[in-house]
Amino acid sequence: MNDDLSILEKLFGFPIPDFALWIGIGVIVLVVLAFILKGFFDEMKKK
């Protein structure tokens, strides 16, 4: 886990706290789920 964090620190140039990382992951997951659900509901409406 420390290796991943150090890679992120190199990319962004500053240390990122774990909670900020988890918030970012959570937002991405929610957006992906929203797109999947939207596509699913659109398909259901066609039928």
PDB file of N, CA and C in Angstrom:
ATOM      1  N   MET A   1       0.837  -1.201   0.000  1.00  0.00           N
ATOM      2  CA  MET A   1       0.000   0.000   0.000  1.00  0.00           C
ATOM      3  C   MET A   1       0.872   1.251   0.000  1.00  0.00           C
ATOM      4  N   ASN A   2       1.978   1.201   0.724  1.00  0.00           N
ATOM      5  CA  ASN A   2       2.873   2.355   0.779  1.00  0.00           C
ATOM      6  C   ASN A   2       3.478   2.642  -0.594  1.00  0.00           C
ATOM      7  N   ASP A   3       3.720   1.585  -1.383  1.00  0.00           N
ATOM      8  CA  ASP A   3       4.282   1.772  -2.719  1.00  0.00           C
ATOM      9  C   ASP A   3       3.306   2.548  -3.599  1.00  0.00           C
ATOM     10  N   ASP A   4       2.014   2.177  -3.537  1.00  0.00           N
ATOM     11  CA  ASP A   4       1.000   2.868  -4.334  1.00  0.00           C
ATOM     12  C   ASP A   4       0.941   4.345  -3.962  1.00  0.00           C
ATOM     13  N   LEU A   5       0.988   4.627  -2.665  1.00  0.00           N
ATOM     14  CA  LEU A   5       0.888   6.005  -2.193  1.00  0.00           C
ATOM     15  C   LEU A   5       2.089   6.814  -2.671  1.00  0.00           C
ATOM     16  N   SER A   6       3.283   6.217  -2.635  1.00  0.00           N
ATOM     17  CA  SER A   6       4.478   6.947  -3.065  1.00  0.00           C
ATOM     18  C   SER A   6       4.418   7.240  -4.563  1.00  0.00           C
ATOM     19  N   ILE A   7       3.843   6.318  -5.351  1.00  0.00           N
ATOM     20  CA  ILE A   7       3.674   6.559  -6.790  1.00  0.00           C
ATOM     21  C   ILE A   7       2.742   7.748  -7.000  1.00  0.00           C
ATOM     22  N   LEU A   8       1.643   7.797  -6.240  1.00  0.00           N
ATOM     23  CA  LEU A   8       0.713   8.921  -6.349  1.00  0.00           C
ATOM     24  C   LEU A   8       1.389  10.218  -5.936  1.00  0.00           C
ATOM     25  N   GLU A   9       2.215  10.146  -4.897  1.00  0.00           N
ATOM     26  CA  GLU A   9       2.926  11.346  -4.448  1.00  0.00           C
ATOM     27  C   GLU A   9       3.842  11.860  -5.553  1.00  0.00           C
ATOM     28  N   LYS A  10       4.500  10.943  -6.269  1.00  0.00           N
ATOM     29  CA  LYS A  10       5.371  11.349  -7.376  1.00  0.00           C
ATOM     30  C   LYS A  10       4.554  11.976  -8.507  1.00  0.00           C
ATOM     31  N   LEU A  11       3.391  11.401  -8.795  1.00  0.00           N
ATOM     32  CA  LEU A  11       2.555  11.917  -9.882  1.00  0.00           C
ATOM     33  C   LEU A  11       2.046  13.321  -9.573  1.00  0.00           C
ATOM     34  N   PHE A  12       1.522  13.506  -8.361  1.00  0.00           N
ATOM     35  CA  PHE A  12       0.865  14.766  -8.009  1.00  0.00           C
ATOM     36  C   PHE A  12       1.816  15.769  -7.362  1.00  0.00           C
ATOM     37  N   GLY A  13       2.948  15.275  -6.854  1.00  0.00           N
ATOM     38  CA  GLY A  13       3.928  16.174  -6.273  1.00  0.00           C
ATOM     39  C   GLY A  13       3.651  16.503  -4.820  1.00  0.00           C
ATOM     40  N   PHE A  14       2.614  15.903  -4.239  1.00  0.00           N
ATOM     41  CA  PHE A  14       2.326  16.115  -2.812  1.00  0.00           C
ATOM     42  C   PHE A  14       1.611  14.891  -2.263  1.00  0.00           C
ATOM     43  N   PRO A  15       1.800  14.601  -0.981  1.00  0.00           N
ATOM     44  CA  PRO A  15       1.160  13.421  -0.384  1.00  0.00           C
ATOM     45  C   PRO A  15      -0.350  13.577  -0.337  1.00  0.00           C
ATOM     46  N   ILE A  16      -1.053  12.505  -0.667  1.00  0.00           N
ATOM     47  CA  ILE A  16      -2.515  12.506  -0.660  1.00  0.00           C
ATOM     48  C   ILE A  16      -2.990  11.651   0.516  1.00  0.00           C
ATOM     49  N   PRO A  17      -3.811  12.204   1.403  1.00  0.00           N
ATOM     50  CA  PRO A  17      -4.327  11.410   2.521  1.00  0.00           C
ATOM     51  C   PRO A  17      -5.236  10.285   2.036  1.00  0.00           C
ATOM     52  N   ASP A  18      -5.284   9.198   2.809  1.00  0.00           N
ATOM     53  CA  ASP A  18      -6.056   8.025   2.413  1.00  0.00           C
ATOM     54  C   ASP A  18      -7.523   8.360   2.187  1.00  0.00           C
ATOM     55  N   PHE A  19      -8.100   9.199   3.070  1.00  0.00           N
ATOM     56  CA  PHE A  19      -9.540   9.469   2.942  1.00  0.00           C
ATOM     57  C   PHE A  19      -9.849  10.178   1.627  1.00  0.00           C
ATOM     58  N   ALA A  20      -8.948  11.052   1.171  1.00  0.00           N
ATOM     59  CA  ALA A  20      -9.159  11.747  -0.103  1.00  0.00           C
ATOM     60  C   ALA A  20      -9.118  10.745  -1.255  1.00  0.00           C
ATOM     61  N   LEU A  21      -8.208   9.778  -1.155  1.00  0.00           N
ATOM     62  CA  LEU A  21      -8.095   8.734  -2.169  1.00  0.00           C
ATOM     63  C   LEU A  21      -9.389   7.923  -2.238  1.00  0.00           C
ATOM     64  N   TRP A  22      -9.919   7.534  -1.070  1.00  0.00           N
ATOM     65  CA  TRP A  22     -11.150   6.740  -1.031  1.00  0.00           C
ATOM     66  C   TRP A  22     -12.346   7.531  -1.539  1.00  0.00           C
ATOM     67  N   ILE A  23     -12.387   8.845  -1.240  1.00  0.00           N
ATOM     68  CA  ILE A  23     -13.475   9.684  -1.751  1.00  0.00           C
ATOM     69  C   ILE A  23     -13.425   9.713  -3.281  1.00  0.00           C
ATOM     70  N   GLY A  24     -12.222   9.862  -3.825  1.00  0.00           N
ATOM     71  CA  GLY A  24     -12.062   9.877  -5.276  1.00  0.00           C
ATOM     72  C   GLY A  24     -12.514   8.572  -5.907  1.00  0.00           C
ATOM     73  N   ILE A  25     -12.112   7.448  -5.310  1.00  0.00           N
ATOM     74  CA  ILE A  25     -12.518   6.134  -5.809  1.00  0.00           C
ATOM     75  C   ILE A  25     -14.035   5.996  -5.735  1.00  0.00           C
ATOM     76  N   GLY A  26     -14.608   6.416  -4.601  1.00  0.00           N
ATOM     77  CA  GLY A  26     -16.065   6.330  -4.414  1.00  0.00           C
ATOM     78  C   GLY A  26     -16.822   7.122  -5.468  1.00  0.00           C
ATOM     79  N   VAL A  27     -16.348   8.328  -5.760  1.00  0.00           N
ATOM     80  CA  VAL A  27     -17.013   9.171  -6.761  1.00  0.00           C
ATOM     81  C   VAL A  27     -16.958   8.512  -8.136  1.00  0.00           C
ATOM     82  N   ILE A  28     -15.791   7.971  -8.492  1.00  0.00           N
ATOM     83  CA  ILE A  28     -15.639   7.307  -9.790  1.00  0.00           C
ATOM     84  C   ILE A  28     -16.585   6.110  -9.886  1.00  0.00           C
ATOM     85  N   VAL A  29     -16.646   5.307  -8.822  1.00  0.00           N
ATOM     86  CA  VAL A  29     -17.522   4.130  -8.812  1.00  0.00           C
ATOM     87  C   VAL A  29     -18.982   4.548  -8.969  1.00  0.00           C
ATOM     88  N   LEU A  30     -19.393   5.596  -8.241  1.00  0.00           N
ATOM     89  CA  LEU A  30     -20.779   6.069  -8.330  1.00  0.00           C
ATOM     90  C   LEU A  30     -21.110   6.552  -9.739  1.00  0.00           C
ATOM     91  N   VAL A  31     -20.183   7.264 -10.367  1.00  0.00           N
ATOM     92  CA  VAL A  31     -20.420   7.762 -11.727  1.00  0.00           C
ATOM     93  C   VAL A  31     -20.573   6.600 -12.705  1.00  0.00           C
ATOM     94  N   VAL A  32     -19.690   5.603 -12.575  1.00  0.00           N
ATOM     95  CA  VAL A  32     -19.761   4.431 -13.457  1.00  0.00           C
ATOM     96  C   VAL A  32     -21.083   3.698 -13.259  1.00  0.00           C
ATOM     97  N   LEU A  33     -21.478   3.491 -12.002  1.00  0.00           N
ATOM     98  CA  LEU A  33     -22.744   2.820 -11.714  1.00  0.00           C
ATOM     99  C   LEU A  33     -23.918   3.608 -12.281  1.00  0.00           C
ATOM    100  N   ALA A  34     -23.879   4.934 -12.157  1.00  0.00           N
ATOM    101  CA  ALA A  34     -24.961   5.775 -12.678  1.00  0.00           C
ATOM    102  C   ALA A  34     -25.093   5.596 -14.191  1.00  0.00           C
ATOM    103  N   PHE A  35     -23.959   5.573 -14.911  1.00  0.00           N
ATOM    104  CA  PHE A  35     -24.000   5.381 -16.361  1.00  0.00           C
ATOM    105  C   PHE A  35     -24.574   4.012 -16.711  1.00  0.00           C
ATOM    106  N   ILE A  36     -24.158   2.969 -15.983  1.00  0.00           N
ATOM    107  CA  ILE A  36     -24.647   1.610 -16.244  1.00  0.00           C
ATOM    108  C   ILE A  36     -26.151   1.542 -16.012  1.00  0.00           C
ATOM    109  N   LEU A  37     -26.609   2.103 -14.881  1.00  0.00           N
ATOM    110  CA  LEU A  37     -28.039   2.078 -14.567  1.00  0.00           C
ATOM    111  C   LEU A  37     -28.840   2.871 -15.592  1.00  0.00           C
ATOM    112  N   LYS A  38     -28.318   4.023 -16.006  1.00  0.00           N
ATOM    113  CA  LYS A  38     -29.015   4.846 -17.003  1.00  0.00           C
ATOM    114  C   LYS A  38     -29.178   4.061 -18.304  1.00  0.00           C
ATOM    115  N   GLY A  39     -28.112   3.414 -18.755  1.00  0.00           N
ATOM    116  CA  GLY A  39     -28.182   2.616 -19.969  1.00  0.00           C
ATOM    117  C   GLY A  39     -29.155   1.457 -19.818  1.00  0.00           C
ATOM    118  N   PHE A  40     -29.167   0.836 -18.638  1.00  0.00           N
ATOM    119  CA  PHE A  40     -30.064  -0.291 -18.373  1.00  0.00           C
ATOM    120  C   PHE A  40     -31.517   0.162 -18.428  1.00  0.00           C
ATOM    121  N   PHE A  41     -31.831   1.305 -17.789  1.00  0.00           N
ATOM    122  CA  PHE A  41     -33.208   1.807 -17.774  1.00  0.00           C
ATOM    123  C   PHE A  41     -33.648   2.227 -19.177  1.00  0.00           C
ATOM    124  N   ASP A  42     -32.737   2.803 -19.951  1.00  0.00           N
ATOM    125  CA  ASP A  42     -33.074   3.192 -21.326  1.00  0.00           C
ATOM    126  C   ASP A  42     -33.422   1.956 -22.150  1.00  0.00           C
ATOM    127  N   GLU A  43     -32.681   0.870 -21.965  1.00  0.00           N
ATOM    128  CA  GLU A  43     -32.964  -0.375 -22.682  1.00  0.00           C
ATOM    129  C   GLU A  43     -34.320  -0.934 -22.270  1.00  0.00           C
ATOM    130  N   MET A  44     -34.644  -0.853 -20.982  1.00  0.00           N
ATOM    131  CA  MET A  44     -35.920  -1.370 -20.486  1.00  0.00           C
ATOM    132  C   MET A  44     -37.086  -0.568 -21.073  1.00  0.00           C
ATOM    133  N   LYS A  45     -36.905   0.740 -21.219  1.00  0.00           N
ATOM    134  CA  LYS A  45     -37.973   1.589 -21.767  1.00  0.00           C
ATOM    135  C   LYS A  45     -38.260   1.231 -23.226  1.00  0.00           C
ATOM    136  N   LYS A  46     -37.225   0.872 -23.989  1.00  0.00           N
ATOM    137  CA  LYS A  46     -37.401   0.516 -25.402  1.00  0.00           C
ATOM    138  C   LYS A  46     -38.293  -0.718 -25.538  1.00  0.00           C
ATOM    139  N   LYS A  47     -38.131  -1.667 -24.628  1.00  0.00           N
ATOM    140  CA  LYS A  47     -38.916  -2.906 -24.679  1.00  0.00           C
ATOM    141  C   LYS A  47     -40.293  -2.630 -24.095  1.00  0.00           C
TER     142      LYS A  47
END
